[in-house]
Amino acid sequence: MKNMMQFLQDVKIEMTKVVWPKFDEFIGSTIIVLVLVCAFAIYLGSIDFVFSKFARYIFKLYGGY
Protein backbone atom coordinates (compact mmCIF):
# COMPACT_ATOMS: atom_id res chain seq x y z
CA MET A 1 0.00 0.00 0.00
CA LYS A 2 2.92 2.32 0.71
CA ASN A 3 4.21 1.86 -2.83
CA MET A 4 0.79 2.75 -4.21
CA MET A 5 0.63 5.98 -2.21
CA GLN A 6 4.16 6.91 -3.32
CA PHE A 7 3.20 6.20 -6.91
CA LEU A 8 0.13 8.45 -6.69
CA GLN A 9 2.20 11.24 -5.14
CA ASP A 10 4.75 10.91 -7.94
CA VAL A 11 1.97 11.04 -10.53
CA LYS A 12 0.61 14.21 -8.95
CA ILE A 13 4.07 15.82 -9.08
CA GLU A 14 4.62 14.80 -12.69
CA MET A 15 1.19 16.10 -13.73
CA THR A 16 2.16 19.57 -12.53
CA LYS A 17 5.13 19.46 -14.95
CA VAL A 18 2.99 18.70 -17.98
CA VAL A 19 2.66 21.48 -20.54
CA TRP A 20 -0.92 21.19 -21.74
CA PRO A 21 -1.77 22.43 -25.25
CA LYS A 22 -3.67 25.64 -25.70
CA PHE A 23 -7.28 25.34 -26.84
CA ASP A 24 -6.47 26.41 -30.42
CA GLU A 25 -3.70 23.80 -30.66
CA PHE A 26 -6.04 21.18 -29.24
CA ILE A 27 -8.77 21.97 -31.78
CA GLY A 28 -6.28 22.06 -34.66
CA SER A 29 -4.78 18.70 -33.72
CA THR A 30 -8.22 17.17 -33.26
CA ILE A 31 -9.36 18.35 -36.69
CA ILE A 32 -6.20 16.97 -38.31
CA VAL A 33 -6.71 13.59 -36.63
CA LEU A 34 -10.38 13.43 -37.66
CA VAL A 35 -9.58 14.36 -41.27
CA LEU A 36 -6.82 11.74 -41.47
CA VAL A 37 -9.03 9.05 -39.92
CA CYS A 38 -11.80 9.82 -42.42
CA ALA A 39 -9.33 9.83 -45.32
CA PHE A 40 -7.89 6.45 -44.32
CA ALA A 41 -11.39 5.04 -43.82
CA ILE A 42 -12.41 6.14 -47.31
CA TYR A 43 -9.15 4.81 -48.77
CA LEU A 44 -9.45 1.41 -47.08
CA GLY A 45 -13.16 1.21 -47.85
CA SER A 46 -12.56 1.87 -51.52
CA ILE A 47 -9.78 -0.73 -51.67
CA ASP A 48 -12.08 -3.25 -49.98
CA PHE A 49 -14.86 -2.41 -52.43
CA VAL A 50 -12.60 -2.85 -55.47
CA PHE A 51 -11.13 -6.12 -54.25
CA SER A 52 -14.55 -7.53 -53.34
CA LYS A 53 -15.88 -6.65 -56.81
CA PHE A 54 -12.80 -8.25 -58.36
CA ALA A 55 -13.21 -11.39 -56.24
CA ARG A 56 -16.90 -11.67 -57.14
CA TYR A 57 -16.00 -11.31 -60.82
CA ILE A 58 -13.38 -14.05 -60.58
CA PHE A 59 -15.72 -16.38 -58.68
CA LYS A 60 -18.52 -15.73 -61.15
CA LEU A 61 -16.15 -16.25 -64.08
CA TYR A 62 -14.99 -19.63 -62.81
CA GLY A 63 -18.35 -20.73 -61.38
CA GLY A 64 -17.53 -20.53 -57.69
CA TYR A 65 -20.17 -18.16 -56.35
PDB file of N, CA and C in Angstrom:
ATOM      1  N   MET A   1       0.826  -1.201   0.000  1.00  0.00           N
ATOM      2  CA  MET A   1       0.000   0.000   0.000  1.00  0.00           C
ATOM      3  C   MET A   1       0.872   1.268   0.000  1.00  0.00           C
ATOM      4  N   LYS A   2       2.018   1.170   0.665  1.00  0.00           N
ATOM      5  CA  LYS A   2       2.919   2.315   0.715  1.00  0.00           C
ATOM      6  C   LYS A   2       3.441   2.659  -0.682  1.00  0.00           C
ATOM      7  N   ASN A   3       3.736   1.629  -1.464  1.00  0.00           N
ATOM      8  CA  ASN A   3       4.210   1.863  -2.829  1.00  0.00           C
ATOM      9  C   ASN A   3       3.143   2.542  -3.677  1.00  0.00           C
ATOM     10  N   MET A   4       1.893   2.157  -3.452  1.00  0.00           N
ATOM     11  CA  MET A   4       0.788   2.748  -4.211  1.00  0.00           C
ATOM     12  C   MET A   4       0.649   4.235  -3.879  1.00  0.00           C
ATOM     13  N   MET A   5       0.742   4.581  -2.609  1.00  0.00           N
ATOM     14  CA  MET A   5       0.631   5.982  -2.207  1.00  0.00           C
ATOM     15  C   MET A   5       1.801   6.797  -2.775  1.00  0.00           C
ATOM     16  N   GLN A   6       2.984   6.223  -2.759  1.00  0.00           N
ATOM     17  CA  GLN A   6       4.156   6.907  -3.319  1.00  0.00           C
ATOM     18  C   GLN A   6       3.979   7.121  -4.818  1.00  0.00           C
ATOM     19  N   PHE A   7       3.454   6.096  -5.479  1.00  0.00           N
ATOM     20  CA  PHE A   7       3.200   6.201  -6.914  1.00  0.00           C
ATOM     21  C   PHE A   7       2.223   7.334  -7.208  1.00  0.00           C
ATOM     22  N   LEU A   8       1.133   7.403  -6.461  1.00  0.00           N
ATOM     23  CA  LEU A   8       0.134   8.454  -6.686  1.00  0.00           C
ATOM     24  C   LEU A   8       0.709   9.842  -6.412  1.00  0.00           C
ATOM     25  N   GLN A   9       1.558   9.959  -5.411  1.00  0.00           N
ATOM     26  CA  GLN A   9       2.204  11.244  -5.139  1.00  0.00           C
ATOM     27  C   GLN A   9       3.141  11.631  -6.287  1.00  0.00           C
ATOM     28  N   ASP A  10       3.868  10.645  -6.805  1.00  0.00           N
ATOM     29  CA  ASP A  10       4.754  10.908  -7.943  1.00  0.00           C
ATOM     30  C   ASP A  10       3.964  11.316  -9.181  1.00  0.00           C
ATOM     31  N   VAL A  11       2.829  10.680  -9.388  1.00  0.00           N
ATOM     32  CA  VAL A  11       1.974  11.036 -10.527  1.00  0.00           C
ATOM     33  C   VAL A  11       1.494  12.472 -10.390  1.00  0.00           C
ATOM     34  N   LYS A  12       1.080  12.845  -9.189  1.00  0.00           N
ATOM     35  CA  LYS A  12       0.612  14.214  -8.951  1.00  0.00           C
ATOM     36  C   LYS A  12       1.724  15.228  -9.246  1.00  0.00           C
ATOM     37  N   ILE A  13       2.933  14.926  -8.825  1.00  0.00           N
ATOM     38  CA  ILE A  13       4.067  15.824  -9.079  1.00  0.00           C
ATOM     39  C   ILE A  13       4.347  15.925 -10.575  1.00  0.00           C
ATOM     40  N   GLU A  14       4.347  14.796 -11.251  1.00  0.00           N
ATOM     41  CA  GLU A  14       4.621  14.799 -12.692  1.00  0.00           C
ATOM     42  C   GLU A  14       3.530  15.529 -13.475  1.00  0.00           C
ATOM     43  N   MET A  15       2.290  15.428 -13.027  1.00  0.00           N
ATOM     44  CA  MET A  15       1.189  16.097 -13.732  1.00  0.00           C
ATOM     45  C   MET A  15       1.307  17.615 -13.644  1.00  0.00           C
ATOM     46  N   THR A  16       1.962  18.116 -12.606  1.00  0.00           N
ATOM     47  CA  THR A  16       2.165  19.571 -12.529  1.00  0.00           C
ATOM     48  C   THR A  16       3.226  20.035 -13.523  1.00  0.00           C
ATOM     49  N   LYS A  17       4.070  19.116 -13.993  1.00  0.00           N
ATOM     50  CA  LYS A  17       5.126  19.456 -14.948  1.00  0.00           C
ATOM     51  C   LYS A  17       4.661  19.406 -16.396  1.00  0.00           C
ATOM     52  N   VAL A  18       3.488  18.868 -16.620  1.00  0.00           N
ATOM     53  CA  VAL A  18       2.988  18.695 -17.984  1.00  0.00           C
ATOM     54  C   VAL A  18       2.635  20.055 -18.576  1.00  0.00           C
ATOM     55  N   VAL A  19       3.038  20.268 -19.815  1.00  0.00           N
ATOM     56  CA  VAL A  19       2.657  21.484 -20.539  1.00  0.00           C
ATOM     57  C   VAL A  19       1.473  21.115 -21.420  1.00  0.00           C
ATOM     58  N   TRP A  20       0.298  21.534 -21.012  1.00  0.00           N
ATOM     59  CA  TRP A  20      -0.918  21.195 -21.740  1.00  0.00           C
ATOM     60  C   TRP A  20      -1.064  22.108 -22.953  1.00  0.00           C
ATOM     61  N   PRO A  21      -1.615  21.592 -24.055  1.00  0.00           N
ATOM     62  CA  PRO A  21      -1.773  22.426 -25.253  1.00  0.00           C
ATOM     63  C   PRO A  21      -2.834  23.500 -25.040  1.00  0.00           C
ATOM     64  N   LYS A  22      -2.651  24.586 -25.741  1.00  0.00           N
ATOM     65  CA  LYS A  22      -3.672  25.638 -25.701  1.00  0.00           C
ATOM     66  C   LYS A  22      -4.895  25.157 -26.472  1.00  0.00           C
ATOM     67  N   PHE A  23      -6.022  25.800 -26.241  1.00  0.00           N
ATOM     68  CA  PHE A  23      -7.277  25.344 -26.836  1.00  0.00           C
ATOM     69  C   PHE A  23      -7.196  25.331 -28.361  1.00  0.00           C
ATOM     70  N   ASP A  24      -6.596  26.355 -28.956  1.00  0.00           N
ATOM     71  CA  ASP A  24      -6.472  26.409 -30.417  1.00  0.00           C
ATOM     72  C   ASP A  24      -5.627  25.253 -30.952  1.00  0.00           C
ATOM     73  N   GLU A  25      -4.539  24.939 -30.253  1.00  0.00           N
ATOM     74  CA  GLU A  25      -3.703  23.804 -30.664  1.00  0.00           C
ATOM     75  C   GLU A  25      -4.475  22.497 -30.543  1.00  0.00           C
ATOM     76  N   PHE A  26      -5.232  22.375 -29.465  1.00  0.00           N
ATOM     77  CA  PHE A  26      -6.039  21.178 -29.241  1.00  0.00           C
ATOM     78  C   PHE A  26      -7.059  20.990 -30.361  1.00  0.00           C
ATOM     79  N   ILE A  27      -7.768  22.053 -30.715  1.00  0.00           N
ATOM     80  CA  ILE A  27      -8.775  21.971 -31.776  1.00  0.00           C
ATOM     81  C   ILE A  27      -8.112  21.660 -33.111  1.00  0.00           C
ATOM     82  N   GLY A  28      -6.994  22.313 -33.402  1.00  0.00           N
ATOM     83  CA  GLY A  28      -6.283  22.062 -34.658  1.00  0.00           C
ATOM     84  C   GLY A  28      -5.822  20.620 -34.774  1.00  0.00           C
ATOM     85  N   SER A  29      -5.244  20.097 -33.709  1.00  0.00           N
ATOM     86  CA  SER A  29      -4.785  18.705 -33.723  1.00  0.00           C
ATOM     87  C   SER A  29      -5.950  17.740 -33.857  1.00  0.00           C
ATOM     88  N   THR A  30      -7.043  18.033 -33.182  1.00  0.00           N
ATOM     89  CA  THR A  30      -8.220  17.166 -33.256  1.00  0.00           C
ATOM     90  C   THR A  30      -8.781  17.135 -34.670  1.00  0.00           C
ATOM     91  N   ILE A  31      -8.843  18.287 -35.312  1.00  0.00           N
ATOM     92  CA  ILE A  31      -9.358  18.347 -36.685  1.00  0.00           C
ATOM     93  C   ILE A  31      -8.445  17.567 -37.630  1.00  0.00           C
ATOM     94  N   ILE A  32      -7.137  17.713 -37.462  1.00  0.00           N
ATOM     95  CA  ILE A  32      -6.199  16.971 -38.311  1.00  0.00           C
ATOM     96  C   ILE A  32      -6.391  15.474 -38.134  1.00  0.00           C
ATOM     97  N   VAL A  33      -6.517  15.023 -36.897  1.00  0.00           N
ATOM     98  CA  VAL A  33      -6.709  13.593 -36.631  1.00  0.00           C
ATOM     99  C   VAL A  33      -8.010  13.102 -37.256  1.00  0.00           C
ATOM    100  N   LEU A  34      -9.086  13.849 -37.095  1.00  0.00           N
ATOM    101  CA  LEU A  34     -10.376  13.433 -37.660  1.00  0.00           C
ATOM    102  C   LEU A  34     -10.328  13.372 -39.182  1.00  0.00           C
ATOM    103  N   VAL A  35      -9.691  14.357 -39.804  1.00  0.00           N
ATOM    104  CA  VAL A  35      -9.579  14.360 -41.265  1.00  0.00           C
ATOM    105  C   VAL A  35      -8.766  13.158 -41.740  1.00  0.00           C
ATOM    106  N   LEU A  36      -7.648  12.881 -41.076  1.00  0.00           N
ATOM    107  CA  LEU A  36      -6.823  11.739 -41.472  1.00  0.00           C
ATOM    108  C   LEU A  36      -7.541  10.410 -41.258  1.00  0.00           C
ATOM    109  N   VAL A  37      -8.267  10.280 -40.166  1.00  0.00           N
ATOM    110  CA  VAL A  37      -9.027   9.048 -39.918  1.00  0.00           C
ATOM    111  C   VAL A  37     -10.078   8.856 -40.999  1.00  0.00           C
ATOM    112  N   CYS A  38     -10.788   9.916 -41.353  1.00  0.00           N
ATOM    113  CA  CYS A  38     -11.797   9.817 -42.416  1.00  0.00           C
ATOM    114  C   CYS A  38     -11.150   9.487 -43.758  1.00  0.00           C
ATOM    115  N   ALA A  39     -10.014  10.100 -44.051  1.00  0.00           N
ATOM    116  CA  ALA A  39      -9.330   9.826 -45.318  1.00  0.00           C
ATOM    117  C   ALA A  39      -8.885   8.371 -45.392  1.00  0.00           C
ATOM    118  N   PHE A  40      -8.303   7.848 -44.324  1.00  0.00           N
ATOM    119  CA  PHE A  40      -7.887   6.448 -44.319  1.00  0.00           C
ATOM    120  C   PHE A  40      -9.081   5.512 -44.400  1.00  0.00           C
ATOM    121  N   ALA A  41     -10.189   5.872 -43.751  1.00  0.00           N
ATOM    122  CA  ALA A  41     -11.389   5.037 -43.818  1.00  0.00           C
ATOM    123  C   ALA A  41     -11.920   4.981 -45.245  1.00  0.00           C
ATOM    124  N   ILE A  42     -11.952   6.115 -45.917  1.00  0.00           N
ATOM    125  CA  ILE A  42     -12.411   6.144 -47.313  1.00  0.00           C
ATOM    126  C   ILE A  42     -11.452   5.356 -48.199  1.00  0.00           C
ATOM    127  N   TYR A  43     -10.159   5.528 -47.987  1.00  0.00           N
ATOM    128  CA  TYR A  43      -9.152   4.810 -48.767  1.00  0.00           C
ATOM    129  C   TYR A  43      -9.289   3.300 -48.580  1.00  0.00           C
ATOM    130  N   LEU A  44      -9.338   2.847 -47.338  1.00  0.00           N
ATOM    131  CA  LEU A  44      -9.449   1.411 -47.081  1.00  0.00           C
ATOM    132  C   LEU A  44     -10.796   0.860 -47.534  1.00  0.00           C
ATOM    133  N   GLY A  45     -11.852   1.643 -47.374  1.00  0.00           N
ATOM    134  CA  GLY A  45     -13.162   1.211 -47.850  1.00  0.00           C
ATOM    135  C   GLY A  45     -13.203   1.057 -49.354  1.00  0.00           C
ATOM    136  N   SER A  46     -12.561   1.973 -50.061  1.00  0.00           N
ATOM    137  CA  SER A  46     -12.556   1.871 -51.525  1.00  0.00           C
ATOM    138  C   SER A  46     -11.707   0.693 -51.992  1.00  0.00           C
ATOM    139  N   ILE A  47     -10.588   0.444 -51.329  1.00  0.00           N
ATOM    140  CA  ILE A  47      -9.780  -0.731 -51.675  1.00  0.00           C
ATOM    141  C   ILE A  47     -10.570  -2.006 -51.420  1.00  0.00           C
ATOM    142  N   ASP A  48     -11.258  -2.080 -50.293  1.00  0.00           N
ATOM    143  CA  ASP A  48     -12.079  -3.246 -49.979  1.00  0.00           C
ATOM    144  C   ASP A  48     -13.171  -3.433 -51.022  1.00  0.00           C
ATOM    145  N   PHE A  49     -13.799  -2.340 -51.426  1.00  0.00           N
ATOM    146  CA  PHE A  49     -14.862  -2.407 -52.426  1.00  0.00           C
ATOM    147  C   PHE A  49     -14.328  -2.948 -53.751  1.00  0.00           C
ATOM    148  N   VAL A  50     -13.190  -2.413 -54.197  1.00  0.00           N
ATOM    149  CA  VAL A  50     -12.603  -2.846 -55.475  1.00  0.00           C
ATOM    150  C   VAL A  50     -12.207  -4.316 -55.413  1.00  0.00           C
ATOM    151  N   PHE A  51     -11.542  -4.729 -54.349  1.00  0.00           N
ATOM    152  CA  PHE A  51     -11.127  -6.124 -54.247  1.00  0.00           C
ATOM    153  C   PHE A  51     -12.312  -7.072 -54.133  1.00  0.00           C
ATOM    154  N   SER A  52     -13.377  -6.656 -53.440  1.00  0.00           N
ATOM    155  CA  SER A  52     -14.547  -7.534 -53.343  1.00  0.00           C
ATOM    156  C   SER A  52     -15.242  -7.664 -54.698  1.00  0.00           C
ATOM    157  N   LYS A  53     -15.312  -6.570 -55.458  1.00  0.00           N
ATOM    158  CA  LYS A  53     -15.882  -6.654 -56.808  1.00  0.00           C
ATOM    159  C   LYS A  53     -15.025  -7.554 -57.696  1.00  0.00           C
ATOM    160  N   PHE A  54     -13.707  -7.418 -57.585  1.00  0.00           N
ATOM    161  CA  PHE A  54     -12.799  -8.250 -58.358  1.00  0.00           C
ATOM    162  C   PHE A  54     -12.954  -9.725 -57.976  1.00  0.00           C
ATOM    163  N   ALA A  55     -13.051 -10.009 -56.691  1.00  0.00           N
ATOM    164  CA  ALA A  55     -13.209 -11.393 -56.238  1.00  0.00           C
ATOM    165  C   ALA A  55     -14.536 -11.969 -56.719  1.00  0.00           C
ATOM    166  N   ARG A  56     -15.609 -11.188 -56.635  1.00  0.00           N
ATOM    167  CA  ARG A  56     -16.903 -11.672 -57.137  1.00  0.00           C
ATOM    168  C   ARG A  56     -16.834 -11.960 -58.635  1.00  0.00           C
ATOM    169  N   TYR A  57     -16.156 -11.105 -59.377  1.00  0.00           N
ATOM    170  CA  TYR A  57     -16.004 -11.312 -60.816  1.00  0.00           C
ATOM    171  C   TYR A  57     -15.249 -12.609 -61.094  1.00  0.00           C
ATOM    172  N   ILE A  58     -14.168 -12.826 -60.388  1.00  0.00           N
ATOM    173  CA  ILE A  58     -13.376 -14.049 -60.583  1.00  0.00           C
ATOM    174  C   ILE A  58     -14.197 -15.281 -60.213  1.00  0.00           C
ATOM    175  N   PHE A  59     -14.907 -15.231 -59.092  1.00  0.00           N
ATOM    176  CA  PHE A  59     -15.720 -16.380 -58.682  1.00  0.00           C
ATOM    177  C   PHE A  59     -16.846 -16.641 -59.679  1.00  0.00           C
ATOM    178  N   LYS A  60     -17.445 -15.556 -60.169  1.00  0.00           N
ATOM    179  CA  LYS A  60     -18.519 -15.727 -61.150  1.00  0.00           C
ATOM    180  C   LYS A  60     -17.954 -16.283 -62.461  1.00  0.00           C
ATOM    181  N   LEU A  61     -16.784 -15.817 -62.852  1.00  0.00           N
ATOM    182  CA  LEU A  61     -16.150 -16.249 -64.083  1.00  0.00           C
ATOM    183  C   LEU A  61     -15.825 -17.746 -64.056  1.00  0.00           C
ATOM    184  N   TYR A  62     -15.380 -18.220 -62.915  1.00  0.00           N
ATOM    185  CA  TYR A  62     -14.993 -19.626 -62.811  1.00  0.00           C
ATOM    186  C   TYR A  62     -16.035 -20.484 -62.090  1.00  0.00           C
ATOM    187  N   GLY A  63     -17.226 -19.959 -61.899  1.00  0.00           N
ATOM    188  CA  GLY A  63     -18.346 -20.734 -61.375  1.00  0.00           C
ATOM    189  C   GLY A  63     -18.298 -21.041 -59.888  1.00  0.00           C
ATOM    190  N   GLY A  64     -17.640 -20.242 -59.113  1.00  0.00           N
ATOM    191  CA  GLY A  64     -17.527 -20.526 -57.690  1.00  0.00           C
ATOM    192  C   GLY A  64     -18.631 -19.933 -56.841  1.00  0.00           C
ATOM    193  N   TYR A  65     -19.239 -18.891 -57.198  1.00  0.00           N
ATOM    194  CA  TYR A  65     -20.173 -18.158 -56.346  1.00  0.00           C
ATOM    195  C   TYR A  65     -21.581 -18.630 -56.610  1.00  0.00           C
TER     196      TYR A  65
END
